[in-house]
Amino acid sequence: GEDMQDFFQLGLVAISTPFVLLWLFFACFKGKKYQKYTESEFAEEFQMSQLFCVGFSVMKMFHFNIRSKKARQKIKEISEIKGKKYAEFYYYIMQGAKITYGYTILIVMLLLASVAGSVEALLLGVVLAVLLVLYVDFSLKDKLDARRQEILMDLPQALSKLTLLINSGMVVRDAWKRTAITGTRQLYIEMQQTSLEIENGVMEIEAYRNFAERCGVKEVKKFSTLIIQNLKKGNEELAMFLNDLSDEMWEMKKNEVKQKGEKANSKLLLPVFLIFIGILILVLVPMMNGMG
């Protein structure tokens, strides 16, 4: 048993040494190269951002592809939160964060496991590394959900205001501009952005399309499609259509508020479940070892 233990520890030391050395090399000598990323305000949203040069170096080593289908899907989601201009930059930082966290936790646990001669520490390291990587994705999804939710909640009100103004005979772009300045939340900020685009010479139809794209909510797409069709056809019935849509949105908002209460409870379950599994591993493995 003793020999086996020594052999296990030696093996772990042999495996972990090159990884630790590589980590140290990246952390000590690559900081300057990735300064524009690690010192950006986006990086400050993450913990330990000074160490992200480790993740970026690994990405470079493996020729990380920022153009893959999965990457493009993520970048599209990020552009809703951070804007198209910065989405790719933020995505790159996010990947650097994930790799840095995973790599750092793994080598710390490898070292602990080799000192203690413990398989549990190694297993726990793998579990923790995976959880940290998932956490980065989850926190992005949370931000995205919160933003879409906010837009959806404000939509009925904005629609009602717009409908009133169009009913009183105002042209769409003026009614839009007047509505846009009545709020400061995400939906209104995006509407203000649209007014600005139109003033800067972007075609009106194009501007409403961009608006729907930025919001990323299917109800907003429906709303902007209505307006675009109206502009193309010069449709007199726009106010009526908007009124119907507005009623539909208010109805949806009522249901949404009801569901929100039910959803909140299930959201808490995942972290609790993950912590429970972690504790289970810590308790069970030594017991099984003792029995063996």
C-alpha atoms as a PDB file:
ATOM      1  CA  GLY A   1       0.000   0.000   0.000  1.00  0.00           C
ATOM      2  CA  GLU A   2       2.820   2.350   1.016  1.00  0.00           C
ATOM      3  CA  ASP A   3       4.737   1.743  -2.219  1.00  0.00           C
ATOM      4  CA  MET A   4       1.607   2.203  -4.232  1.00  0.00           C
ATOM      5  CA  GLN A   5       0.963   5.527  -2.491  1.00  0.00           C
ATOM      6  CA  ASP A   6       4.512   6.740  -3.193  1.00  0.00           C
ATOM      7  CA  PHE A   7       4.222   5.643  -6.801  1.00  0.00           C
ATOM      8  CA  PHE A   8       0.925   7.509  -7.125  1.00  0.00           C
ATOM      9  CA  GLN A   9       2.429  10.678  -5.626  1.00  0.00           C
ATOM     10  CA  LEU A  10       5.498  10.459  -7.853  1.00  0.00           C
ATOM     11  CA  GLY A  11       3.299   9.952 -10.900  1.00  0.00           C
ATOM     12  CA  LEU A  12       1.224  13.016 -10.010  1.00  0.00           C
ATOM     13  CA  VAL A  13       4.350  15.134  -9.478  1.00  0.00           C
ATOM     14  CA  ALA A  14       5.674  14.011 -12.864  1.00  0.00           C
ATOM     15  CA  ILE A  15       2.379  14.856 -14.573  1.00  0.00           C
ATOM     16  CA  SER A  16       1.834  18.186 -12.850  1.00  0.00           C
ATOM     17  CA  THR A  17       5.377  19.613 -13.152  1.00  0.00           C
ATOM     18  CA  PRO A  18       5.268  20.536 -16.877  1.00  0.00           C
ATOM     19  CA  PHE A  19       1.767  21.997 -16.489  1.00  0.00           C
ATOM     20  CA  VAL A  20       2.828  24.065 -13.486  1.00  0.00           C
ATOM     21  CA  LEU A  21       5.965  25.302 -15.259  1.00  0.00           C
ATOM     22  CA  LEU A  22       3.972  26.227 -18.343  1.00  0.00           C
ATOM     23  CA  TRP A  23       1.426  28.065 -16.171  1.00  0.00           C
ATOM     24  CA  LEU A  24       4.219  29.988 -14.415  1.00  0.00           C
ATOM     25  CA  PHE A  25       5.840  30.856 -17.743  1.00  0.00           C
ATOM     26  CA  PHE A  26       2.568  32.226 -19.142  1.00  0.00           C
ATOM     27  CA  ALA A  27       1.704  34.101 -15.938  1.00  0.00           C
ATOM     28  CA  CYS A  28       5.148  35.692 -15.560  1.00  0.00           C
ATOM     29  CA  PHE A  29       6.122  36.480 -19.140  1.00  0.00           C
ATOM     30  CA  LYS A  30       2.967  36.897 -21.206  1.00  0.00           C
ATOM     31  CA  GLY A  31       1.238  39.627 -19.179  1.00  0.00           C
ATOM     32  CA  LYS A  32       2.557  42.474 -21.326  1.00  0.00           C
ATOM     33  CA  LYS A  33       1.428  40.861 -24.567  1.00  0.00           C
ATOM     34  CA  TYR A  34      -2.225  40.667 -23.504  1.00  0.00           C
ATOM     35  CA  GLN A  35      -2.369  43.908 -21.554  1.00  0.00           C
ATOM     36  CA  LYS A  36      -5.032  45.512 -23.765  1.00  0.00           C
ATOM     37  CA  TYR A  37      -7.352  42.614 -22.894  1.00  0.00           C
ATOM     38  CA  THR A  38      -6.537  42.131 -19.207  1.00  0.00           C
ATOM     39  CA  GLU A  39      -6.729  45.850 -18.430  1.00  0.00           C
ATOM     40  CA  SER A  40      -9.935  46.530 -20.353  1.00  0.00           C
ATOM     41  CA  GLU A  41     -13.065  47.384 -18.380  1.00  0.00           C
ATOM     42  CA  PHE A  42     -14.679  44.168 -19.653  1.00  0.00           C
ATOM     43  CA  ALA A  43     -11.977  42.103 -17.956  1.00  0.00           C
ATOM     44  CA  GLU A  44     -12.704  43.889 -14.681  1.00  0.00           C
ATOM     45  CA  GLU A  45     -16.102  42.171 -14.592  1.00  0.00           C
ATOM     46  CA  PHE A  46     -14.251  38.912 -13.860  1.00  0.00           C
ATOM     47  CA  GLN A  47     -12.231  37.789 -10.841  1.00  0.00           C
ATOM     48  CA  MET A  48      -8.415  37.374 -11.194  1.00  0.00           C
ATOM     49  CA  SER A  49      -8.390  39.128 -14.586  1.00  0.00           C
ATOM     50  CA  GLN A  50      -4.641  39.876 -14.263  1.00  0.00           C
ATOM     51  CA  LEU A  51      -4.017  36.161 -14.790  1.00  0.00           C
ATOM     52  CA  PHE A  52      -6.012  35.900 -18.017  1.00  0.00           C
ATOM     53  CA  CYS A  53      -2.748  36.041 -19.998  1.00  0.00           C
ATOM     54  CA  VAL A  54      -2.548  32.336 -19.043  1.00  0.00           C
ATOM     55  CA  GLY A  55      -5.834  31.552 -20.798  1.00  0.00           C
ATOM     56  CA  PHE A  56      -5.005  33.717 -23.817  1.00  0.00           C
ATOM     57  CA  SER A  57      -1.634  32.005 -24.220  1.00  0.00           C
ATOM     58  CA  VAL A  58      -3.282  28.564 -24.145  1.00  0.00           C
ATOM     59  CA  MET A  59      -5.778  29.789 -26.766  1.00  0.00           C
ATOM     60  CA  LYS A  60      -2.936  30.953 -28.978  1.00  0.00           C
ATOM     61  CA  MET A  61      -1.082  27.687 -28.500  1.00  0.00           C
ATOM     62  CA  PHE A  62      -4.073  25.674 -29.692  1.00  0.00           C
ATOM     63  CA  HIS A  63      -5.091  28.152 -32.430  1.00  0.00           C
ATOM     64  CA  PHE A  64      -8.445  28.839 -30.819  1.00  0.00           C
ATOM     65  CA  ASN A  65     -11.091  29.478 -33.497  1.00  0.00           C
ATOM     66  CA  ILE A  66     -13.238  32.570 -32.903  1.00  0.00           C
ATOM     67  CA  ARG A  67     -15.166  31.955 -36.119  1.00  0.00           C
ATOM     68  CA  SER A  68     -16.642  28.537 -35.340  1.00  0.00           C
ATOM     69  CA  LYS A  69     -20.420  28.126 -35.438  1.00  0.00           C
ATOM     70  CA  LYS A  70     -20.636  27.857 -31.652  1.00  0.00           C
ATOM     71  CA  ALA A  71     -18.454  30.948 -31.220  1.00  0.00           C
ATOM     72  CA  ARG A  72     -20.582  32.969 -33.633  1.00  0.00           C
ATOM     73  CA  GLN A  73     -23.751  31.985 -31.766  1.00  0.00           C
ATOM     74  CA  LYS A  74     -22.212  33.161 -28.459  1.00  0.00           C
ATOM     75  CA  ILE A  75     -20.945  36.393 -30.030  1.00  0.00           C
ATOM     76  CA  LYS A  76     -24.458  37.101 -31.325  1.00  0.00           C
ATOM     77  CA  GLU A  77     -25.830  36.707 -27.781  1.00  0.00           C
ATOM     78  CA  ILE A  78     -23.092  38.900 -26.327  1.00  0.00           C
ATOM     79  CA  SER A  79     -23.787  41.621 -28.889  1.00  0.00           C
ATOM     80  CA  GLU A  80     -27.244  42.040 -27.335  1.00  0.00           C
ATOM     81  CA  ILE A  81     -25.620  42.916 -24.016  1.00  0.00           C
ATOM     82  CA  LYS A  82     -22.396  44.619 -25.060  1.00  0.00           C
ATOM     83  CA  GLY A  83     -23.261  45.888 -28.548  1.00  0.00           C
ATOM     84  CA  LYS A  84     -22.025  44.528 -31.872  1.00  0.00           C
ATOM     85  CA  LYS A  85     -18.843  46.575 -31.792  1.00  0.00           C
ATOM     86  CA  TYR A  86     -17.445  44.927 -28.660  1.00  0.00           C
ATOM     87  CA  ALA A  87     -19.057  41.475 -28.799  1.00  0.00           C
ATOM     88  CA  GLU A  88     -16.067  39.650 -30.286  1.00  0.00           C
ATOM     89  CA  PHE A  89     -13.654  41.344 -27.888  1.00  0.00           C
ATOM     90  CA  TYR A  90     -15.814  40.359 -24.897  1.00  0.00           C
ATOM     91  CA  TYR A  91     -16.168  36.803 -26.170  1.00  0.00           C
ATOM     92  CA  TYR A  92     -12.371  36.493 -26.383  1.00  0.00           C
ATOM     93  CA  ILE A  93     -12.018  37.720 -22.781  1.00  0.00           C
ATOM     94  CA  MET A  94     -14.723  35.315 -21.642  1.00  0.00           C
ATOM     95  CA  GLN A  95     -12.922  32.343 -23.202  1.00  0.00           C
ATOM     96  CA  GLY A  96      -9.636  33.498 -21.656  1.00  0.00           C
ATOM     97  CA  ALA A  97     -11.388  33.656 -18.287  1.00  0.00           C
ATOM     98  CA  LYS A  98     -12.788  30.130 -18.607  1.00  0.00           C
ATOM     99  CA  ILE A  99      -9.460  28.577 -19.603  1.00  0.00           C
ATOM    100  CA  THR A 100      -7.562  30.494 -16.911  1.00  0.00           C
ATOM    101  CA  TYR A 101      -9.989  29.381 -14.196  1.00  0.00           C
ATOM    102  CA  GLY A 102     -10.061  25.760 -15.337  1.00  0.00           C
ATOM    103  CA  TYR A 103      -6.292  25.496 -15.773  1.00  0.00           C
ATOM    104  CA  THR A 104      -5.462  27.263 -12.480  1.00  0.00           C
ATOM    105  CA  ILE A 105      -7.844  25.172 -10.358  1.00  0.00           C
ATOM    106  CA  LEU A 106      -6.632  21.959 -11.995  1.00  0.00           C
ATOM    107  CA  ILE A 107      -2.941  22.565 -11.297  1.00  0.00           C
ATOM    108  CA  VAL A 108      -3.613  23.730  -7.728  1.00  0.00           C
ATOM    109  CA  MET A 109      -5.586  20.532  -7.123  1.00  0.00           C
ATOM    110  CA  LEU A 110      -2.951  18.416  -8.905  1.00  0.00           C
ATOM    111  CA  LEU A 111      -0.312  19.819  -6.556  1.00  0.00           C
ATOM    112  CA  LEU A 112      -2.521  19.252  -3.512  1.00  0.00           C
ATOM    113  CA  ALA A 113      -3.278  15.713  -4.661  1.00  0.00           C
ATOM    114  CA  SER A 114       0.410  14.915  -5.167  1.00  0.00           C
ATOM    115  CA  VAL A 115       1.351  16.297  -1.735  1.00  0.00           C
ATOM    116  CA  ALA A 116      -1.514  14.487   0.028  1.00  0.00           C
ATOM    117  CA  GLY A 117      -1.432  11.437  -2.263  1.00  0.00           C
ATOM    118  CA  SER A 118      -5.177  11.835  -2.630  1.00  0.00           C
ATOM    119  CA  VAL A 119      -7.329  10.797  -5.577  1.00  0.00           C
ATOM    120  CA  GLU A 120     -10.253  12.723  -4.033  1.00  0.00           C
ATOM    121  CA  ALA A 121      -8.420  16.036  -4.342  1.00  0.00           C
ATOM    122  CA  LEU A 122      -7.841  15.261  -8.002  1.00  0.00           C
ATOM    123  CA  LEU A 123     -11.505  14.398  -8.592  1.00  0.00           C
ATOM    124  CA  LEU A 124     -12.629  17.472  -6.721  1.00  0.00           C
ATOM    125  CA  GLY A 125     -10.263  19.562  -8.854  1.00  0.00           C
ATOM    126  CA  VAL A 126     -11.862  18.299 -12.032  1.00  0.00           C
ATOM    127  CA  VAL A 127     -15.383  18.946 -10.668  1.00  0.00           C
ATOM    128  CA  LEU A 128     -14.438  22.461  -9.500  1.00  0.00           C
ATOM    129  CA  ALA A 129     -12.751  23.313 -12.812  1.00  0.00           C
ATOM    130  CA  VAL A 130     -15.852  22.252 -14.754  1.00  0.00           C
ATOM    131  CA  LEU A 131     -18.148  24.198 -12.388  1.00  0.00           C
ATOM    132  CA  LEU A 132     -16.079  27.375 -12.734  1.00  0.00           C
ATOM    133  CA  VAL A 133     -16.142  27.161 -16.516  1.00  0.00           C
ATOM    134  CA  LEU A 134     -19.915  26.599 -16.450  1.00  0.00           C
ATOM    135  CA  TYR A 135     -20.321  29.495 -14.024  1.00  0.00           C
ATOM    136  CA  VAL A 136     -18.901  31.950 -16.571  1.00  0.00           C
ATOM    137  CA  ASP A 137     -21.445  30.766 -19.153  1.00  0.00           C
ATOM    138  CA  PHE A 138     -24.278  30.816 -16.631  1.00  0.00           C
ATOM    139  CA  SER A 139     -23.530  34.379 -15.563  1.00  0.00           C
ATOM    140  CA  LEU A 140     -23.674  35.500 -19.207  1.00  0.00           C
ATOM    141  CA  LYS A 141     -26.985  33.678 -19.663  1.00  0.00           C
ATOM    142  CA  ASP A 142     -28.319  35.386 -16.536  1.00  0.00           C
ATOM    143  CA  LYS A 143     -27.417  38.836 -17.862  1.00  0.00           C
ATOM    144  CA  LEU A 144     -28.978  38.018 -21.216  1.00  0.00           C
ATOM    145  CA  ASP A 145     -32.186  36.676 -19.652  1.00  0.00           C
ATOM    146  CA  ALA A 146     -32.468  39.673 -17.329  1.00  0.00           C
ATOM    147  CA  ARG A 147     -32.066  42.096 -20.235  1.00  0.00           C
ATOM    148  CA  ARG A 148     -34.596  40.322 -22.471  1.00  0.00           C
ATOM    149  CA  GLN A 149     -37.012  40.086 -19.556  1.00  0.00           C
ATOM    150  CA  GLU A 150     -36.699  43.821 -18.904  1.00  0.00           C
ATOM    151  CA  ILE A 151     -37.336  44.646 -22.580  1.00  0.00           C
ATOM    152  CA  LEU A 152     -40.370  42.373 -22.619  1.00  0.00           C
ATOM    153  CA  MET A 153     -41.768  43.940 -19.442  1.00  0.00           C
ATOM    154  CA  ASP A 154     -41.441  47.484 -20.847  1.00  0.00           C
ATOM    155  CA  LEU A 155     -42.811  46.660 -24.285  1.00  0.00           C
ATOM    156  CA  PRO A 156     -46.576  46.960 -23.522  1.00  0.00           C
ATOM    157  CA  GLN A 157     -46.129  50.449 -22.054  1.00  0.00           C
ATOM    158  CA  ALA A 158     -43.943  51.675 -24.925  1.00  0.00           C
ATOM    159  CA  LEU A 159     -46.427  50.245 -27.434  1.00  0.00           C
ATOM    160  CA  SER A 160     -49.334  52.011 -25.757  1.00  0.00           C
ATOM    161  CA  LYS A 161     -47.499  55.353 -25.855  1.00  0.00           C
ATOM    162  CA  LEU A 162     -46.560  54.877 -29.503  1.00  0.00           C
ATOM    163  CA  THR A 163     -50.097  53.871 -30.477  1.00  0.00           C
ATOM    164  CA  LEU A 164     -51.566  56.972 -28.808  1.00  0.00           C
ATOM    165  CA  LEU A 165     -49.185  59.272 -30.673  1.00  0.00           C
ATOM    166  CA  ILE A 166     -49.764  57.595 -34.044  1.00  0.00           C
ATOM    167  CA  ASN A 167     -53.531  57.715 -33.397  1.00  0.00           C
ATOM    168  CA  SER A 168     -53.268  61.448 -32.881  1.00  0.00           C
ATOM    169  CA  GLY A 169     -51.859  61.740 -36.403  1.00  0.00           C
ATOM    170  CA  MET A 170     -48.109  61.825 -35.785  1.00  0.00           C
ATOM    171  CA  VAL A 171     -45.826  60.126 -38.332  1.00  0.00           C
ATOM    172  CA  VAL A 172     -44.069  56.962 -37.134  1.00  0.00           C
ATOM    173  CA  ARG A 173     -40.535  58.322 -36.806  1.00  0.00           C
ATOM    174  CA  ASP A 174     -41.682  61.344 -34.754  1.00  0.00           C
ATOM    175  CA  ALA A 175     -43.946  59.207 -32.558  1.00  0.00           C
ATOM    176  CA  TRP A 176     -41.032  56.796 -32.114  1.00  0.00           C
ATOM    177  CA  LYS A 177     -38.642  59.571 -31.095  1.00  0.00           C
ATOM    178  CA  ARG A 178     -41.174  61.044 -28.656  1.00  0.00           C
ATOM    179  CA  THR A 179     -41.769  57.606 -27.077  1.00  0.00           C
ATOM    180  CA  ALA A 180     -38.056  56.779 -26.900  1.00  0.00           C
ATOM    181  CA  ILE A 181     -37.255  59.666 -24.532  1.00  0.00           C
ATOM    182  CA  THR A 182     -39.942  58.739 -22.002  1.00  0.00           C
ATOM    183  CA  GLY A 183     -37.833  56.010 -20.353  1.00  0.00           C
ATOM    184  CA  THR A 184     -34.274  55.151 -19.380  1.00  0.00           C
ATOM    185  CA  ARG A 185     -34.377  51.363 -19.374  1.00  0.00           C
ATOM    186  CA  GLN A 186     -32.976  49.025 -22.040  1.00  0.00           C
ATOM    187  CA  LEU A 187     -35.924  49.144 -24.459  1.00  0.00           C
ATOM    188  CA  TYR A 188     -35.971  52.953 -24.461  1.00  0.00           C
ATOM    189  CA  ILE A 189     -32.185  53.133 -24.866  1.00  0.00           C
ATOM    190  CA  GLU A 190     -32.488  50.912 -27.949  1.00  0.00           C
ATOM    191  CA  MET A 191     -35.334  53.081 -29.278  1.00  0.00           C
ATOM    192  CA  GLN A 192     -33.206  56.209 -28.776  1.00  0.00           C
ATOM    193  CA  GLN A 193     -30.385  54.480 -30.643  1.00  0.00           C
ATOM    194  CA  THR A 194     -32.815  53.860 -33.534  1.00  0.00           C
ATOM    195  CA  SER A 195     -33.850  57.538 -33.646  1.00  0.00           C
ATOM    196  CA  LEU A 196     -30.192  58.478 -33.724  1.00  0.00           C
ATOM    197  CA  GLU A 197     -29.540  56.096 -36.624  1.00  0.00           C
ATOM    198  CA  ILE A 198     -32.419  57.590 -38.612  1.00  0.00           C
ATOM    199  CA  GLU A 199     -31.124  61.115 -37.949  1.00  0.00           C
ATOM    200  CA  ASN A 200     -27.689  60.009 -39.159  1.00  0.00           C
ATOM    201  CA  GLY A 201     -29.082  58.887 -42.487  1.00  0.00           C
ATOM    202  CA  VAL A 202     -29.780  55.183 -41.952  1.00  0.00           C
ATOM    203  CA  MET A 203     -32.871  54.113 -43.917  1.00  0.00           C
ATOM    204  CA  GLU A 204     -35.878  54.021 -41.604  1.00  0.00           C
ATOM    205  CA  ILE A 205     -36.719  50.386 -42.466  1.00  0.00           C
ATOM    206  CA  GLU A 206     -33.100  49.375 -41.841  1.00  0.00           C
ATOM    207  CA  ALA A 207     -33.069  51.197 -38.491  1.00  0.00           C
ATOM    208  CA  TYR A 208     -36.183  49.358 -37.235  1.00  0.00           C
ATOM    209  CA  ARG A 209     -34.674  46.075 -38.383  1.00  0.00           C
ATOM    210  CA  ASN A 210     -31.451  46.815 -36.454  1.00  0.00           C
ATOM    211  CA  PHE A 211     -33.581  47.659 -33.434  1.00  0.00           C
ATOM    212  CA  ALA A 212     -35.237  44.221 -33.456  1.00  0.00           C
ATOM    213  CA  GLU A 213     -31.841  42.561 -33.960  1.00  0.00           C
ATOM    214  CA  ARG A 214     -30.324  44.386 -30.971  1.00  0.00           C
ATOM    215  CA  CYS A 215     -33.231  43.523 -28.669  1.00  0.00           C
ATOM    216  CA  GLY A 216     -33.204  39.820 -29.580  1.00  0.00           C
ATOM    217  CA  VAL A 217     -36.782  39.321 -28.366  1.00  0.00           C
ATOM    218  CA  LYS A 218     -39.270  37.746 -30.750  1.00  0.00           C
ATOM    219  CA  GLU A 219     -42.112  40.034 -29.627  1.00  0.00           C
ATOM    220  CA  VAL A 220     -39.992  43.048 -30.562  1.00  0.00           C
ATOM    221  CA  LYS A 221     -39.357  41.474 -33.970  1.00  0.00           C
ATOM    222  CA  LYS A 222     -43.109  41.171 -34.444  1.00  0.00           C
ATOM    223  CA  PHE A 223     -43.530  44.824 -33.492  1.00  0.00           C
ATOM    224  CA  SER A 224     -40.789  46.094 -35.809  1.00  0.00           C
ATOM    225  CA  THR A 225     -42.099  43.930 -38.682  1.00  0.00           C
ATOM    226  CA  LEU A 226     -45.502  45.609 -38.265  1.00  0.00           C
ATOM    227  CA  ILE A 227     -43.935  49.040 -38.558  1.00  0.00           C
ATOM    228  CA  ILE A 228     -41.761  48.046 -41.534  1.00  0.00           C
ATOM    229  CA  GLN A 229     -44.772  46.636 -43.405  1.00  0.00           C
ATOM    230  CA  ASN A 230     -46.636  49.845 -42.676  1.00  0.00           C
ATOM    231  CA  LEU A 231     -43.812  51.971 -44.075  1.00  0.00           C
ATOM    232  CA  LYS A 232     -43.700  49.887 -47.248  1.00  0.00           C
ATOM    233  CA  LYS A 233     -47.453  49.933 -47.826  1.00  0.00           C
ATOM    234  CA  GLY A 234     -48.294  53.266 -46.258  1.00  0.00           C
ATOM    235  CA  ASN A 235     -50.800  51.295 -44.220  1.00  0.00           C
ATOM    236  CA  GLU A 236     -53.531  53.401 -42.620  1.00  0.00           C
ATOM    237  CA  GLU A 237     -54.393  50.572 -40.245  1.00  0.00           C
ATOM    238  CA  LEU A 238     -51.097  50.687 -38.343  1.00  0.00           C
ATOM    239  CA  ALA A 239     -52.636  52.252 -35.235  1.00  0.00           C
ATOM    240  CA  MET A 240     -55.238  49.484 -35.143  1.00  0.00           C
ATOM    241  CA  PHE A 241     -52.617  46.743 -35.547  1.00  0.00           C
ATOM    242  CA  LEU A 242     -50.423  48.331 -32.873  1.00  0.00           C
ATOM    243  CA  ASN A 243     -53.415  48.524 -30.573  1.00  0.00           C
ATOM    244  CA  ASP A 244     -54.061  44.778 -30.976  1.00  0.00           C
ATOM    245  CA  LEU A 245     -50.386  43.999 -30.386  1.00  0.00           C
ATOM    246  CA  SER A 246     -50.374  46.243 -27.336  1.00  0.00           C
ATOM    247  CA  ASP A 247     -53.363  44.372 -25.836  1.00  0.00           C
ATOM    248  CA  GLU A 248     -51.637  41.071 -26.542  1.00  0.00           C
ATOM    249  CA  MET A 249     -48.445  42.291 -24.825  1.00  0.00           C
ATOM    250  CA  TRP A 250     -50.296  43.486 -21.710  1.00  0.00           C
ATOM    251  CA  GLU A 251     -51.939  40.082 -21.469  1.00  0.00           C
ATOM    252  CA  MET A 252     -48.561  38.408 -21.821  1.00  0.00           C
ATOM    253  CA  LYS A 253     -47.023  40.656 -19.201  1.00  0.00           C
ATOM    254  CA  LYS A 254     -49.680  39.583 -16.693  1.00  0.00           C
ATOM    255  CA  ASN A 255     -48.928  35.899 -17.324  1.00  0.00           C
ATOM    256  CA  GLU A 256     -45.195  36.538 -17.229  1.00  0.00           C
ATOM    257  CA  VAL A 257     -45.398  38.162 -13.794  1.00  0.00           C
ATOM    258  CA  LYS A 258     -47.345  35.154 -12.528  1.00  0.00           C
ATOM    259  CA  GLN A 259     -44.781  32.696 -13.922  1.00  0.00           C
ATOM    260  CA  LYS A 260     -41.861  34.717 -12.612  1.00  0.00           C
ATOM    261  CA  GLY A 261     -42.769  33.795  -9.043  1.00  0.00           C
ATOM    262  CA  GLU A 262     -42.814  30.105  -9.916  1.00  0.00           C
ATOM    263  CA  LYS A 263     -39.531  30.275 -11.836  1.00  0.00           C
ATOM    264  CA  ALA A 264     -37.590  31.938  -9.033  1.00  0.00           C
ATOM    265  CA  ASN A 265     -37.829  28.860  -6.824  1.00  0.00           C
ATOM    266  CA  SER A 266     -36.454  26.425  -9.402  1.00  0.00           C
ATOM    267  CA  LYS A 267     -33.515  28.742 -10.115  1.00  0.00           C
ATOM    268  CA  LEU A 268     -32.147  28.196  -6.626  1.00  0.00           C
ATOM    269  CA  LEU A 269     -32.082  24.431  -7.038  1.00  0.00           C
ATOM    270  CA  LEU A 270     -29.051  24.150  -9.336  1.00  0.00           C
ATOM    271  CA  PRO A 271     -26.409  25.786  -7.075  1.00  0.00           C
ATOM    272  CA  VAL A 272     -27.755  23.886  -4.064  1.00  0.00           C
ATOM    273  CA  PHE A 273     -27.608  20.630  -6.024  1.00  0.00           C
ATOM    274  CA  LEU A 274     -24.009  21.280  -7.174  1.00  0.00           C
ATOM    275  CA  ILE A 275     -22.850  22.083  -3.625  1.00  0.00           C
ATOM    276  CA  PHE A 276     -24.565  18.929  -2.400  1.00  0.00           C
ATOM    277  CA  ILE A 277     -22.682  16.784  -4.968  1.00  0.00           C
ATOM    278  CA  GLY A 278     -19.373  18.395  -3.973  1.00  0.00           C
ATOM    279  CA  ILE A 279     -19.975  17.578  -0.296  1.00  0.00           C
ATOM    280  CA  LEU A 280     -21.071  14.069  -1.189  1.00  0.00           C
ATOM    281  CA  ILE A 281     -17.782  13.421  -3.018  1.00  0.00           C
ATOM    282  CA  LEU A 282     -15.782  14.772  -0.070  1.00  0.00           C
ATOM    283  CA  VAL A 283     -17.627  12.579   2.428  1.00  0.00           C
ATOM    284  CA  LEU A 284     -18.088   9.356   0.489  1.00  0.00           C
ATOM    285  CA  VAL A 285     -14.660   8.849  -1.083  1.00  0.00           C
ATOM    286  CA  PRO A 286     -12.667   8.722   2.176  1.00  0.00           C
ATOM    287  CA  MET A 287     -15.328   6.392   3.663  1.00  0.00           C
ATOM    288  CA  MET A 288     -15.011   4.023   0.723  1.00  0.00           C
ATOM    289  CA  ASN A 289     -11.235   4.160   1.029  1.00  0.00           C
ATOM    290  CA  GLY A 290     -11.546   3.315   4.704  1.00  0.00           C
ATOM    291  CA  MET A 291     -13.710   0.311   3.911  1.00  0.00           C
ATOM    292  CA  GLY A 292     -11.326  -0.802   1.186  1.00  0.00           C
END
